[in-house]
Amino acid sequence: MIAYVASPYGFAESTRLFYTEQLLPLVGRHVDVIDPWAVDLPTGDDHWLALGDIHLASIAERADLVVACLDQEPPDNGTVVEVAWAAAHGRPVIAYRNDLRQGGEEGLRYNLMIGAAVRRSGGVEVASLAELEEALLRFTDT
């Protein structure tokens, strides 16, 4: 099984170590990982759009599952797009949010549309690395 790990964690030094030393190894113990931060930036005038194309193609064509990191308030818009794209392509999403803030409608961790996309994908929401590992075990056990 292959999981695409969607997150904004590669942008900042403050989150990069968490991503490389905790999150990726945890996910990698259970599935093969597509790490979008390990992709070289394409060349040319539209290199950012080309990179987006690579990421979306990885989800639709290679991934069996998406692990989406939705910390921050509001969650990173690129990661939210990856969640919606995964749901639209029938890839279950494990939505990880360890952020203490709630930003969605009453009782929701984030915007209702993100929650709906996760649910429609057949995925689950998790609030800790331990819950993420349990979810990975459930998805890889089937």
Protein backbone atom coordinates (compact mmCIF):
# COMPACT_ATOMS: atom_id res chain seq x y z
CA MET A 1 0.00 0.00 0.00
CA ILE A 2 1.20 3.51 -0.84
CA ALA A 3 0.34 6.66 1.12
CA TYR A 4 0.77 10.22 -0.04
CA VAL A 5 1.58 12.47 2.93
CA ALA A 6 -0.04 15.88 2.42
CA SER A 7 1.21 18.64 4.72
CA PRO A 8 2.60 22.15 4.95
CA TYR A 9 5.33 20.93 7.33
CA GLY A 10 8.17 21.29 4.81
CA PHE A 11 7.79 25.06 4.58
CA ALA A 12 9.16 25.93 8.01
CA GLU A 13 12.13 24.90 10.11
CA SER A 14 9.80 24.73 13.12
CA THR A 15 7.82 21.83 11.63
CA ARG A 16 10.34 20.17 9.30
CA LEU A 17 11.96 18.04 12.02
CA PHE A 18 8.59 16.78 13.22
CA TYR A 19 7.81 15.82 9.63
CA THR A 20 11.09 14.05 8.86
CA GLU A 21 11.85 12.51 12.25
CA GLN A 22 8.41 11.59 13.58
CA LEU A 23 5.64 11.66 11.00
CA LEU A 24 7.32 10.10 7.96
CA PRO A 25 8.96 7.26 9.94
CA LEU A 26 5.64 6.44 11.62
CA VAL A 27 3.75 6.32 8.31
CA GLY A 28 6.65 4.50 6.65
CA ARG A 29 6.47 1.65 9.18
CA HIS A 30 3.09 0.69 7.72
CA VAL A 31 3.05 1.74 4.06
CA ASP A 32 5.30 2.95 1.28
CA VAL A 33 5.38 6.75 1.37
CA ILE A 34 5.07 9.35 -1.35
CA ASP A 35 6.81 12.37 0.16
CA PRO A 36 5.85 15.46 -1.85
CA TRP A 37 8.66 17.40 -0.18
CA ALA A 38 11.20 15.05 -1.78
CA VAL A 39 10.18 15.99 -5.35
CA ASP A 40 12.55 18.27 -7.23
CA LEU A 41 11.06 21.56 -8.39
CA PRO A 42 10.45 21.32 -12.15
CA THR A 43 12.12 23.86 -14.42
CA GLY A 44 10.42 26.36 -16.70
CA ASP A 45 8.19 29.38 -16.32
CA ASP A 46 5.31 27.44 -14.79
CA HIS A 47 7.43 25.37 -12.38
CA TRP A 48 5.05 25.87 -9.43
CA LEU A 49 2.02 24.75 -11.44
CA ALA A 50 4.03 21.81 -12.78
CA LEU A 51 4.88 20.83 -9.22
CA GLY A 52 1.19 20.97 -8.31
CA ASP A 53 0.44 18.73 -11.28
CA ILE A 54 3.02 16.21 -10.05
CA HIS A 55 1.48 16.17 -6.58
CA LEU A 56 -2.10 15.77 -7.80
CA ALA A 57 -1.06 13.05 -10.25
CA SER A 58 0.70 11.20 -7.42
CA ILE A 59 -2.54 11.14 -5.44
CA ALA A 60 -4.76 10.11 -8.34
CA GLU A 61 -2.40 7.66 -10.05
CA ARG A 62 -0.09 6.20 -7.40
CA ALA A 63 -1.51 6.57 -3.89
CA ASP A 64 -3.87 4.12 -2.24
CA LEU A 65 -4.32 6.38 0.77
CA VAL A 66 -3.65 9.99 1.80
CA VAL A 67 -2.41 11.07 5.22
CA ALA A 68 -3.35 14.75 5.47
CA CYS A 69 -1.89 17.00 8.16
CA LEU A 70 -4.46 19.64 8.96
CA ASP A 71 -2.86 21.51 11.86
CA GLN A 72 -3.03 25.31 11.74
CA GLU A 73 -6.09 27.48 11.79
CA PRO A 74 -7.24 27.55 9.14
CA PRO A 75 -5.58 24.42 7.72
CA ASP A 76 -3.14 24.97 4.86
CA ASN A 77 -5.11 25.55 1.65
CA GLY A 78 -2.82 23.33 -0.45
CA THR A 79 -3.33 20.43 1.94
CA VAL A 80 -7.08 21.03 1.86
CA VAL A 81 -7.01 20.80 -1.95
CA GLU A 82 -5.12 17.52 -1.68
CA VAL A 83 -7.81 16.20 0.70
CA ALA A 84 -10.58 17.15 -1.74
CA TRP A 85 -8.64 15.72 -4.69
CA ALA A 86 -8.10 12.44 -2.83
CA ALA A 87 -11.79 12.19 -1.94
CA ALA A 88 -12.80 12.94 -5.53
CA HIS A 89 -10.51 10.13 -6.73
CA GLY A 90 -11.69 7.57 -4.21
CA ARG A 91 -8.58 7.65 -2.03
CA PRO A 92 -9.34 7.39 1.69
CA VAL A 93 -7.94 10.23 3.79
CA ILE A 94 -6.58 9.91 7.31
CA ALA A 95 -6.95 13.48 8.54
CA TYR A 96 -4.40 14.20 11.29
CA ARG A 97 -5.06 17.30 13.40
CA ASN A 98 -3.21 17.73 16.68
CA ASP A 99 -3.87 21.47 16.82
CA LEU A 100 -5.72 22.41 20.02
CA ARG A 101 -7.79 25.08 18.26
CA GLN A 102 -11.17 24.30 16.75
CA GLY A 103 -11.96 26.21 13.63
CA GLY A 104 -15.02 24.63 12.19
CA GLU A 105 -18.69 24.73 12.86
CA GLU A 106 -19.80 23.68 16.34
CA GLY A 107 -18.25 20.35 17.28
CA LEU A 108 -15.99 20.15 14.23
CA ARG A 109 -12.19 20.37 14.30
CA TYR A 110 -12.14 22.33 11.04
CA ASN A 111 -14.43 23.55 8.28
CA LEU A 112 -17.41 21.29 7.61
CA MET A 113 -16.42 20.81 3.96
CA ILE A 114 -13.04 19.37 4.96
CA GLY A 115 -14.78 17.00 7.36
CA ALA A 116 -17.28 16.03 4.68
CA ALA A 117 -14.49 15.31 2.17
CA VAL A 118 -12.68 13.12 4.70
CA ARG A 119 -15.87 11.22 5.46
CA ARG A 120 -16.84 10.83 1.79
CA SER A 121 -13.35 9.50 1.06
CA GLY A 122 -13.96 6.62 3.44
CA GLY A 123 -11.29 8.00 5.71
CA VAL A 124 -11.09 8.98 9.36
CA GLU A 125 -10.07 11.89 11.56
CA VAL A 126 -7.32 11.41 14.15
CA ALA A 127 -5.98 13.75 16.84
CA SER A 128 -2.66 12.19 17.82
CA LEU A 129 0.22 10.19 16.41
CA ALA A 130 -1.02 7.17 18.37
CA GLU A 131 -4.44 7.48 16.69
CA LEU A 132 -2.73 7.93 13.33
CA GLU A 133 -0.83 4.69 13.84
CA GLU A 134 -4.04 2.86 14.83
CA ALA A 135 -5.75 4.16 11.68
CA LEU A 136 -2.84 3.07 9.50
CA LEU A 137 -3.05 -0.40 11.05
CA ARG A 138 -6.78 -0.58 10.26
CA PHE A 139 -6.31 0.54 6.65
CA THR A 140 -3.40 -1.79 5.99
CA ASP A 141 -5.07 -4.76 7.69
CA THR A 142 -7.80 -4.93 5.06
